[in-house]
Amino acid sequence: MNDLFLFISDTSNDLNDLKQWAGSTYTGEIKYIAKQAVHDKNIITANGTASMEFAKEVLLALKVASEDQIMQWYNFHKLGYDHAPMPKM
């Protein structure tokens, strides 16, 4: 299972903490991305403060709606409003 991280990009709270806690069992430093959430090959990882980003990546991976609809949902819940244009009256 340790070799899995050789082939996928991933993230966590901090690479140095991950390496400290996992020790030599973590071998994915070359594919590590310092980002809130990472989706690669149907595996989604996120840091501890990225619940919305993780949910967004899950919804995108499952294709439960269009990317535009998922982004509108994300923007509304993350920012408190949606960037969708007002309809003309």
PDB file of N, CA and C in Angstrom:
ATOM      1  N   MET A   1       0.819  -1.196   0.000  1.00  0.00           N
ATOM      2  CA  MET A   1       0.000   0.000   0.000  1.00  0.00           C
ATOM      3  C   MET A   1       0.863   1.260   0.000  1.00  0.00           C
ATOM      4  N   ASN A   2       2.011   1.215   0.598  1.00  0.00           N
ATOM      5  CA  ASN A   2       2.864   2.397   0.649  1.00  0.00           C
ATOM      6  C   ASN A   2       3.242   2.887  -0.734  1.00  0.00           C
ATOM      7  N   ASP A   3       3.375   1.967  -1.688  1.00  0.00           N
ATOM      8  CA  ASP A   3       3.748   2.350  -3.045  1.00  0.00           C
ATOM      9  C   ASP A   3       2.662   3.149  -3.746  1.00  0.00           C
ATOM     10  N   LEU A   4       1.446   3.103  -3.223  1.00  0.00           N
ATOM     11  CA  LEU A   4       0.347   3.856  -3.816  1.00  0.00           C
ATOM     12  C   LEU A   4       0.711   5.330  -3.930  1.00  0.00           C
ATOM     13  N   PHE A   5       1.373   5.877  -2.937  1.00  0.00           N
ATOM     14  CA  PHE A   5       1.700   7.298  -2.943  1.00  0.00           C
ATOM     15  C   PHE A   5       2.808   7.648  -3.937  1.00  0.00           C
ATOM     16  N   LEU A   6       3.443   6.670  -4.523  1.00  0.00           N
ATOM     17  CA  LEU A   6       4.406   6.948  -5.573  1.00  0.00           C
ATOM     18  C   LEU A   6       3.710   7.348  -6.864  1.00  0.00           C
ATOM     19  N   PHE A   7       2.426   6.992  -6.994  1.00  0.00           N
ATOM     20  CA  PHE A   7       1.729   7.149  -8.257  1.00  0.00           C
ATOM     21  C   PHE A   7       0.620   8.184  -8.248  1.00  0.00           C
ATOM     22  N   ILE A   8       0.270   8.734  -7.084  1.00  0.00           N
ATOM     23  CA  ILE A   8      -0.804   9.730  -7.032  1.00  0.00           C
ATOM     24  C   ILE A   8      -0.320  11.009  -6.365  1.00  0.00           C
ATOM     25  N   SER A   9      -0.923  12.103  -6.766  1.00  0.00           N
ATOM     26  CA  SER A   9      -0.674  13.371  -6.086  1.00  0.00           C
ATOM     27  C   SER A   9      -1.542  13.406  -4.841  1.00  0.00           C
ATOM     28  N   ASP A  10      -1.046  14.028  -3.790  1.00  0.00           N
ATOM     29  CA  ASP A  10      -1.793  14.094  -2.541  1.00  0.00           C
ATOM     30  C   ASP A  10      -1.442  15.370  -1.792  1.00  0.00           C
ATOM     31  N   THR A  11      -2.189  15.615  -0.708  1.00  0.00           N
ATOM     32  CA  THR A  11      -1.934  16.765   0.142  1.00  0.00           C
ATOM     33  C   THR A  11      -2.212  16.386   1.592  1.00  0.00           C
ATOM     34  N   SER A  12      -1.895  17.282   2.482  1.00  0.00           N
ATOM     35  CA  SER A  12      -2.172  17.112   3.913  1.00  0.00           C
ATOM     36  C   SER A  12      -2.059  18.487   4.556  1.00  0.00           C
ATOM     37  N   ASN A  13      -2.060  18.534   5.874  1.00  0.00           N
ATOM     38  CA  ASN A  13      -1.909  19.817   6.549  1.00  0.00           C
ATOM     39  C   ASN A  13      -0.536  20.428   6.288  1.00  0.00           C
ATOM     40  N   ASP A  14       0.492  19.588   6.272  1.00  0.00           N
ATOM     41  CA  ASP A  14       1.854  20.080   6.063  1.00  0.00           C
ATOM     42  C   ASP A  14       2.750  18.901   5.715  1.00  0.00           C
ATOM     43  N   LEU A  15       3.538  19.033   4.694  1.00  0.00           N
ATOM     44  CA  LEU A  15       4.414  17.943   4.261  1.00  0.00           C
ATOM     45  C   LEU A  15       5.378  17.516   5.359  1.00  0.00           C
ATOM     46  N   ASN A  16       5.967  18.469   6.061  1.00  0.00           N
ATOM     47  CA  ASN A  16       6.918  18.109   7.121  1.00  0.00           C
ATOM     48  C   ASN A  16       6.246  17.330   8.241  1.00  0.00           C
ATOM     49  N   ASP A  17       5.032  17.719   8.618  1.00  0.00           N
ATOM     50  CA  ASP A  17       4.298  16.960   9.636  1.00  0.00           C
ATOM     51  C   ASP A  17       3.982  15.555   9.139  1.00  0.00           C
ATOM     52  N   LEU A  18       3.555  15.461   7.895  1.00  0.00           N
ATOM     53  CA  LEU A  18       3.246  14.151   7.311  1.00  0.00           C
ATOM     54  C   LEU A  18       4.463  13.242   7.344  1.00  0.00           C
ATOM     55  N   LYS A  19       5.594  13.775   6.932  1.00  0.00           N
ATOM     56  CA  LYS A  19       6.823  12.984   6.939  1.00  0.00           C
ATOM     57  C   LYS A  19       7.239  12.609   8.360  1.00  0.00           C
ATOM     58  N   GLN A  20       7.024  13.520   9.313  1.00  0.00           N
ATOM     59  CA  GLN A  20       7.386  13.234  10.703  1.00  0.00           C
ATOM     60  C   GLN A  20       6.510  12.111  11.267  1.00  0.00           C
ATOM     61  N   TRP A  21       5.193  12.210  11.057  1.00  0.00           N
ATOM     62  CA  TRP A  21       4.280  11.229  11.640  1.00  0.00           C
ATOM     63  C   TRP A  21       4.301   9.903  10.896  1.00  0.00           C
ATOM     64  N   ALA A  22       4.430   9.920   9.591  1.00  0.00           N
ATOM     65  CA  ALA A  22       4.403   8.682   8.816  1.00  0.00           C
ATOM     66  C   ALA A  22       5.786   8.041   8.710  1.00  0.00           C
ATOM     67  N   GLY A  23       6.811   8.844   8.903  1.00  0.00           N
ATOM     68  CA  GLY A  23       8.164   8.313   8.815  1.00  0.00           C
ATOM     69  C   GLY A  23       8.482   7.788   7.431  1.00  0.00           C
ATOM     70  N   SER A  24       9.187   6.695   7.377  1.00  0.00           N
ATOM     71  CA  SER A  24       9.621   6.147   6.093  1.00  0.00           C
ATOM     72  C   SER A  24       8.488   5.500   5.307  1.00  0.00           C
ATOM     73  N   THR A  25       7.313   5.344   5.919  1.00  0.00           N
ATOM     74  CA  THR A  25       6.194   4.743   5.185  1.00  0.00           C
ATOM     75  C   THR A  25       5.584   5.712   4.178  1.00  0.00           C
ATOM     76  N   TYR A  26       5.805   7.000   4.344  1.00  0.00           N
ATOM     77  CA  TYR A  26       5.328   7.966   3.352  1.00  0.00           C
ATOM     78  C   TYR A  26       6.416   8.155   2.309  1.00  0.00           C
ATOM     79  N   THR A  27       6.107   7.769   1.084  1.00  0.00           N
ATOM     80  CA  THR A  27       7.099   7.834   0.007  1.00  0.00           C
ATOM     81  C   THR A  27       6.646   8.726  -1.143  1.00  0.00           C
ATOM     82  N   GLY A  28       5.643   9.557  -0.903  1.00  0.00           N
ATOM     83  CA  GLY A  28       5.075  10.335  -1.992  1.00  0.00           C
ATOM     84  C   GLY A  28       5.481  11.786  -2.056  1.00  0.00           C
ATOM     85  N   GLU A  29       6.573  12.147  -1.445  1.00  0.00           N
ATOM     86  CA  GLU A  29       6.967  13.559  -1.399  1.00  0.00           C
ATOM     87  C   GLU A  29       7.074  14.183  -2.790  1.00  0.00           C
ATOM     88  N   ILE A  30       7.521  13.431  -3.758  1.00  0.00           N
ATOM     89  CA  ILE A  30       7.697  13.974  -5.108  1.00  0.00           C
ATOM     90  C   ILE A  30       6.358  14.363  -5.741  1.00  0.00           C
ATOM     91  N   LYS A  31       5.253  13.738  -5.325  1.00  0.00           N
ATOM     92  CA  LYS A  31       3.936  14.031  -5.888  1.00  0.00           C
ATOM     93  C   LYS A  31       3.081  14.883  -4.938  1.00  0.00           C
ATOM     94  N   TYR A  32       3.651  15.304  -3.820  1.00  0.00           N
ATOM     95  CA  TYR A  32       2.910  16.104  -2.838  1.00  0.00           C
ATOM     96  C   TYR A  32       2.614  17.489  -3.409  1.00  0.00           C
ATOM     97  N   ILE A  33       1.380  17.963  -3.201  1.00  0.00           N
ATOM     98  CA  ILE A  33       0.977  19.298  -3.639  1.00  0.00           C
ATOM     99  C   ILE A  33       0.463  20.076  -2.430  1.00  0.00           C
ATOM    100  N   ALA A  34       1.030  21.227  -2.156  1.00  0.00           N
ATOM    101  CA  ALA A  34       0.586  22.073  -1.047  1.00  0.00           C
ATOM    102  C   ALA A  34      -0.663  22.828  -1.498  1.00  0.00           C
ATOM    103  N   LYS A  35      -1.802  22.225  -1.314  1.00  0.00           N
ATOM    104  CA  LYS A  35      -3.075  22.758  -1.776  1.00  0.00           C
ATOM    105  C   LYS A  35      -4.160  22.279  -0.813  1.00  0.00           C
ATOM    106  N   GLN A  36      -5.283  22.983  -0.750  1.00  0.00           N
ATOM    107  CA  GLN A  36      -6.365  22.603   0.152  1.00  0.00           C
ATOM    108  C   GLN A  36      -6.870  21.186  -0.112  1.00  0.00           C
ATOM    109  N   ALA A  37      -7.127  20.856  -1.362  1.00  0.00           N
ATOM    110  CA  ALA A  37      -7.612  19.523  -1.720  1.00  0.00           C
ATOM    111  C   ALA A  37      -7.001  19.118  -3.051  1.00  0.00           C
ATOM    112  N   VAL A  38      -6.728  17.831  -3.188  1.00  0.00           N
ATOM    113  CA  VAL A  38      -6.128  17.289  -4.399  1.00  0.00           C
ATOM    114  C   VAL A  38      -6.915  16.061  -4.823  1.00  0.00           C
ATOM    115  N   HIS A  39      -7.241  15.982  -6.116  1.00  0.00           N
ATOM    116  CA  HIS A  39      -7.951  14.844  -6.695  1.00  0.00           C
ATOM    117  C   HIS A  39      -7.077  14.267  -7.791  1.00  0.00           C
ATOM    118  N   ASP A  40      -6.693  13.015  -7.631  1.00  0.00           N
ATOM    119  CA  ASP A  40      -5.851  12.362  -8.631  1.00  0.00           C
ATOM    120  C   ASP A  40      -6.199  10.879  -8.676  1.00  0.00           C
ATOM    121  N   LYS A  41      -6.517  10.390  -9.861  1.00  0.00           N
ATOM    122  CA  LYS A  41      -6.815   8.973 -10.071  1.00  0.00           C
ATOM    123  C   LYS A  41      -7.879   8.450  -9.104  1.00  0.00           C
ATOM    124  N   ASN A  42      -8.955   9.180  -8.954  1.00  0.00           N
ATOM    125  CA  ASN A  42     -10.082   8.811  -8.090  1.00  0.00           C
ATOM    126  C   ASN A  42      -9.727   8.733  -6.608  1.00  0.00           C
ATOM    127  N   ILE A  43      -8.634   9.344  -6.222  1.00  0.00           N
ATOM    128  CA  ILE A  43      -8.289   9.464  -4.808  1.00  0.00           C
ATOM    129  C   ILE A  43      -8.272  10.950  -4.476  1.00  0.00           C
ATOM    130  N   ILE A  44      -8.987  11.307  -3.419  1.00  0.00           N
ATOM    131  CA  ILE A  44      -9.099  12.708  -3.014  1.00  0.00           C
ATOM    132  C   ILE A  44      -8.511  12.850  -1.620  1.00  0.00           C
ATOM    133  N   THR A  45      -7.589  13.795  -1.490  1.00  0.00           N
ATOM    134  CA  THR A  45      -7.018  14.096  -0.187  1.00  0.00           C
ATOM    135  C   THR A  45      -7.222  15.579   0.087  1.00  0.00           C
ATOM    136  N   ALA A  46      -7.276  15.934   1.360  1.00  0.00           N
ATOM    137  CA  ALA A  46      -7.459  17.334   1.737  1.00  0.00           C
ATOM    138  C   ALA A  46      -6.818  17.570   3.089  1.00  0.00           C
ATOM    139  N   ASN A  47      -6.532  18.838   3.353  1.00  0.00           N
ATOM    140  CA  ASN A  47      -5.997  19.149   4.675  1.00  0.00           C
ATOM    141  C   ASN A  47      -7.145  19.330   5.665  1.00  0.00           C
ATOM    142  N   GLY A  48      -6.815  19.515   6.914  1.00  0.00           N
ATOM    143  CA  GLY A  48      -7.816  19.557   7.965  1.00  0.00           C
ATOM    144  C   GLY A  48      -8.762  20.743   7.941  1.00  0.00           C
ATOM    145  N   THR A  49      -8.436  21.769   7.177  1.00  0.00           N
ATOM    146  CA  THR A  49      -9.303  22.949   7.116  1.00  0.00           C
ATOM    147  C   THR A  49     -10.070  23.041   5.804  1.00  0.00           C
ATOM    148  N   ALA A  50     -10.049  21.979   5.022  1.00  0.00           N
ATOM    149  CA  ALA A  50     -10.579  22.047   3.662  1.00  0.00           C
ATOM    150  C   ALA A  50     -11.837  21.203   3.458  1.00  0.00           C
ATOM    151  N   SER A  51     -12.765  21.270   4.372  1.00  0.00           N
ATOM    152  CA  SER A  51     -13.969  20.443   4.220  1.00  0.00           C
ATOM    153  C   SER A  51     -14.771  20.818   2.979  1.00  0.00           C
ATOM    154  N   MET A  52     -14.884  22.088   2.674  1.00  0.00           N
ATOM    155  CA  MET A  52     -15.634  22.509   1.484  1.00  0.00           C
ATOM    156  C   MET A  52     -14.901  22.099   0.211  1.00  0.00           C
ATOM    157  N   GLU A  53     -13.593  22.244   0.189  1.00  0.00           N
ATOM    158  CA  GLU A  53     -12.813  21.873  -0.983  1.00  0.00           C
ATOM    159  C   GLU A  53     -12.872  20.357  -1.199  1.00  0.00           C
ATOM    160  N   PHE A  54     -12.832  19.602  -0.098  1.00  0.00           N
ATOM    161  CA  PHE A  54     -12.937  18.144  -0.193  1.00  0.00           C
ATOM    162  C   PHE A  54     -14.303  17.757  -0.761  1.00  0.00           C
ATOM    163  N   ALA A  55     -15.366  18.364  -0.235  1.00  0.00           N
ATOM    164  CA  ALA A  55     -16.717  18.071  -0.725  1.00  0.00           C
ATOM    165  C   ALA A  55     -16.847  18.421  -2.202  1.00  0.00           C
ATOM    166  N   LYS A  56     -16.291  19.550  -2.604  1.00  0.00           N
ATOM    167  CA  LYS A  56     -16.334  19.959  -4.011  1.00  0.00           C
ATOM    168  C   LYS A  56     -15.660  18.913  -4.893  1.00  0.00           C
ATOM    169  N   GLU A  57     -14.494  18.440  -4.483  1.00  0.00           N
ATOM    170  CA  GLU A  57     -13.771  17.441  -5.269  1.00  0.00           C
ATOM    171  C   GLU A  57     -14.535  16.119  -5.337  1.00  0.00           C
ATOM    172  N   VAL A  58     -15.195  15.741  -4.248  1.00  0.00           N
ATOM    173  CA  VAL A  58     -16.012  14.518  -4.253  1.00  0.00           C
ATOM    174  C   VAL A  58     -17.170  14.674  -5.231  1.00  0.00           C
ATOM    175  N   LEU A  59     -17.874  15.809  -5.175  1.00  0.00           N
ATOM    176  CA  LEU A  59     -18.991  16.048  -6.089  1.00  0.00           C
ATOM    177  C   LEU A  59     -18.533  16.050  -7.543  1.00  0.00           C
ATOM    178  N   LEU A  60     -17.399  16.665  -7.811  1.00  0.00           N
ATOM    179  CA  LEU A  60     -16.862  16.669  -9.174  1.00  0.00           C
ATOM    180  C   LEU A  60     -16.493  15.258  -9.626  1.00  0.00           C
ATOM    181  N   ALA A  61     -15.881  14.483  -8.739  1.00  0.00           N
ATOM    182  CA  ALA A  61     -15.481  13.119  -9.094  1.00  0.00           C
ATOM    183  C   ALA A  61     -16.688  12.235  -9.371  1.00  0.00           C
ATOM    184  N   LEU A  62     -17.753  12.432  -8.593  1.00  0.00           N
ATOM    185  CA  LEU A  62     -18.964  11.629  -8.766  1.00  0.00           C
ATOM    186  C   LEU A  62     -19.836  12.122  -9.915  1.00  0.00           C
ATOM    187  N   LYS A  63     -19.537  13.326 -10.403  1.00  0.00           N
ATOM    188  CA  LYS A  63     -20.299  13.929 -11.502  1.00  0.00           C
ATOM    189  C   LYS A  63     -21.803  13.961 -11.189  1.00  0.00           C
ATOM    190  N   VAL A  64     -22.118  14.416  -9.965  1.00  0.00           N
ATOM    191  CA  VAL A  64     -23.524  14.476  -9.548  1.00  0.00           C
ATOM    192  C   VAL A  64     -24.274  15.635 -10.186  1.00  0.00           C
ATOM    193  N   ALA A  65     -23.547  16.581 -10.742  1.00  0.00           N
ATOM    194  CA  ALA A  65     -24.130  17.744 -11.425  1.00  0.00           C
ATOM    195  C   ALA A  65     -23.058  18.277 -12.369  1.00  0.00           C
ATOM    196  N   SER A  66     -23.424  19.282 -13.146  1.00  0.00           N
ATOM    197  CA  SER A  66     -22.432  19.884 -14.034  1.00  0.00           C
ATOM    198  C   SER A  66     -21.358  20.586 -13.201  1.00  0.00           C
ATOM    199  N   GLU A  67     -20.200  20.780 -13.799  1.00  0.00           N
ATOM    200  CA  GLU A  67     -19.123  21.472 -13.090  1.00  0.00           C
ATOM    201  C   GLU A  67     -19.565  22.876 -12.691  1.00  0.00           C
ATOM    202  N   ASP A  68     -20.301  23.542 -13.565  1.00  0.00           N
ATOM    203  CA  ASP A  68     -20.800  24.884 -13.265  1.00  0.00           C
ATOM    204  C   ASP A  68     -21.735  24.871 -12.050  1.00  0.00           C
ATOM    205  N   GLN A  69     -22.637  23.897 -11.978  1.00  0.00           N
ATOM    206  CA  GLN A  69     -23.556  23.816 -10.841  1.00  0.00           C
ATOM    207  C   GLN A  69     -22.804  23.524  -9.543  1.00  0.00           C
ATOM    208  N   ILE A  70     -21.824  22.655  -9.623  1.00  0.00           N
ATOM    209  CA  ILE A  70     -21.033  22.327  -8.425  1.00  0.00           C
ATOM    210  C   ILE A  70     -20.241  23.548  -7.974  1.00  0.00           C
ATOM    211  N   MET A  71     -19.693  24.300  -8.909  1.00  0.00           N
ATOM    212  CA  MET A  71     -18.951  25.502  -8.545  1.00  0.00           C
ATOM    213  C   MET A  71     -19.876  26.564  -7.960  1.00  0.00           C
ATOM    214  N   GLN A  72     -21.090  26.682  -8.463  1.00  0.00           N
ATOM    215  CA  GLN A  72     -22.059  27.611  -7.874  1.00  0.00           C
ATOM    216  C   GLN A  72     -22.377  27.195  -6.441  1.00  0.00           C
ATOM    217  N   TRP A  73     -22.586  25.897  -6.219  1.00  0.00           N
ATOM    218  CA  TRP A  73     -22.845  25.382  -4.869  1.00  0.00           C
ATOM    219  C   TRP A  73     -21.660  25.707  -3.959  1.00  0.00           C
ATOM    220  N   TYR A  74     -20.454  25.423  -4.448  1.00  0.00           N
ATOM    221  CA  TYR A  74     -19.248  25.671  -3.665  1.00  0.00           C
ATOM    222  C   TYR A  74     -19.110  27.155  -3.324  1.00  0.00           C
ATOM    223  N   ASN A  75     -19.246  28.018  -4.321  1.00  0.00           N
ATOM    224  CA  ASN A  75     -19.101  29.456  -4.081  1.00  0.00           C
ATOM    225  C   ASN A  75     -20.141  29.962  -3.088  1.00  0.00           C
ATOM    226  N   PHE A  76     -21.366  29.478  -3.204  1.00  0.00           N
ATOM    227  CA  PHE A  76     -22.403  29.917  -2.281  1.00  0.00           C
ATOM    228  C   PHE A  76     -22.061  29.517  -0.849  1.00  0.00           C
ATOM    229  N   HIS A  77     -21.651  28.271  -0.649  1.00  0.00           N
ATOM    230  CA  HIS A  77     -21.382  27.788   0.705  1.00  0.00           C
ATOM    231  C   HIS A  77     -20.034  28.263   1.243  1.00  0.00           C
ATOM    232  N   LYS A  78     -19.069  28.469   0.388  1.00  0.00           N
ATOM    233  CA  LYS A  78     -17.747  28.926   0.834  1.00  0.00           C
ATOM    234  C   LYS A  78     -17.715  30.431   1.045  1.00  0.00           C
ATOM    235  N   LEU A  79     -18.329  31.168   0.115  1.00  0.00           N
ATOM    236  CA  LEU A  79     -18.238  32.621   0.142  1.00  0.00           C
ATOM    237  C   LEU A  79     -19.493  33.303   0.692  1.00  0.00           C
ATOM    238  N   GLY A  80     -20.594  32.555   0.769  1.00  0.00           N
ATOM    239  CA  GLY A  80     -21.835  33.127   1.270  1.00  0.00           C
ATOM    240  C   GLY A  80     -22.690  33.770   0.200  1.00  0.00           C
ATOM    241  N   TYR A  81     -22.228  33.683  -1.039  1.00  0.00           N
ATOM    242  CA  TYR A  81     -23.005  34.221  -2.150  1.00  0.00           C
ATOM    243  C   TYR A  81     -22.571  33.497  -3.418  1.00  0.00           C
ATOM    244  N   ASP A  82     -23.346  33.688  -4.468  1.00  0.00           N
ATOM    245  CA  ASP A  82     -23.054  33.062  -5.738  1.00  0.00           C
ATOM    246  C   ASP A  82     -22.703  34.144  -6.754  1.00  0.00           C
ATOM    247  N   HIS A  83     -21.779  33.849  -7.630  1.00  0.00           N
ATOM    248  CA  HIS A  83     -21.379  34.814  -8.657  1.00  0.00           C
ATOM    249  C   HIS A  83     -22.271  34.793  -9.884  1.00  0.00           C
ATOM    250  N   ALA A  84     -23.337  34.007  -9.856  1.00  0.00           N
ATOM    251  CA  ALA A  84     -24.198  33.904 -11.025  1.00  0.00           C
ATOM    252  C   ALA A  84     -24.809  35.257 -11.335  1.00  0.00           C
ATOM    253  N   PRO A  85     -24.875  35.610 -12.611  1.00  0.00           N
ATOM    254  CA  PRO A  85     -25.448  36.919 -12.975  1.00  0.00           C
ATOM    255  C   PRO A  85     -26.942  36.979 -12.672  1.00  0.00           C
ATOM    256  N   MET A  86     -27.405  38.160 -12.364  1.00  0.00           N
ATOM    257  CA  MET A  86     -28.837  38.358 -12.118  1.00  0.00           C
ATOM    258  C   MET A  86     -29.584  38.232 -13.443  1.00  0.00           C
ATOM    259  N   PRO A  87     -30.739  37.582 -13.435  1.00  0.00           N
ATOM    260  CA  PRO A  87     -31.504  37.498 -14.677  1.00  0.00           C
ATOM    261  C   PRO A  87     -32.035  38.864 -15.078  1.00  0.00           C
ATOM    262  N   LYS A  88     -32.132  39.071 -16.387  1.00  0.00           N
ATOM    263  CA  LYS A  88     -32.673  40.350 -16.877  1.00  0.00           C
ATOM    264  C   LYS A  88     -34.166  40.384 -16.623  1.00  0.00           C
ATOM    265  N   MET A  89     -34.641  41.572 -16.235  1.00  0.00           N
ATOM    266  CA  MET A  89     -36.073  41.725 -15.953  1.00  0.00           C
ATOM    267  C   MET A  89     -36.708  42.604 -16.976  1.00  0.00           C
TER     268      MET A  89
END
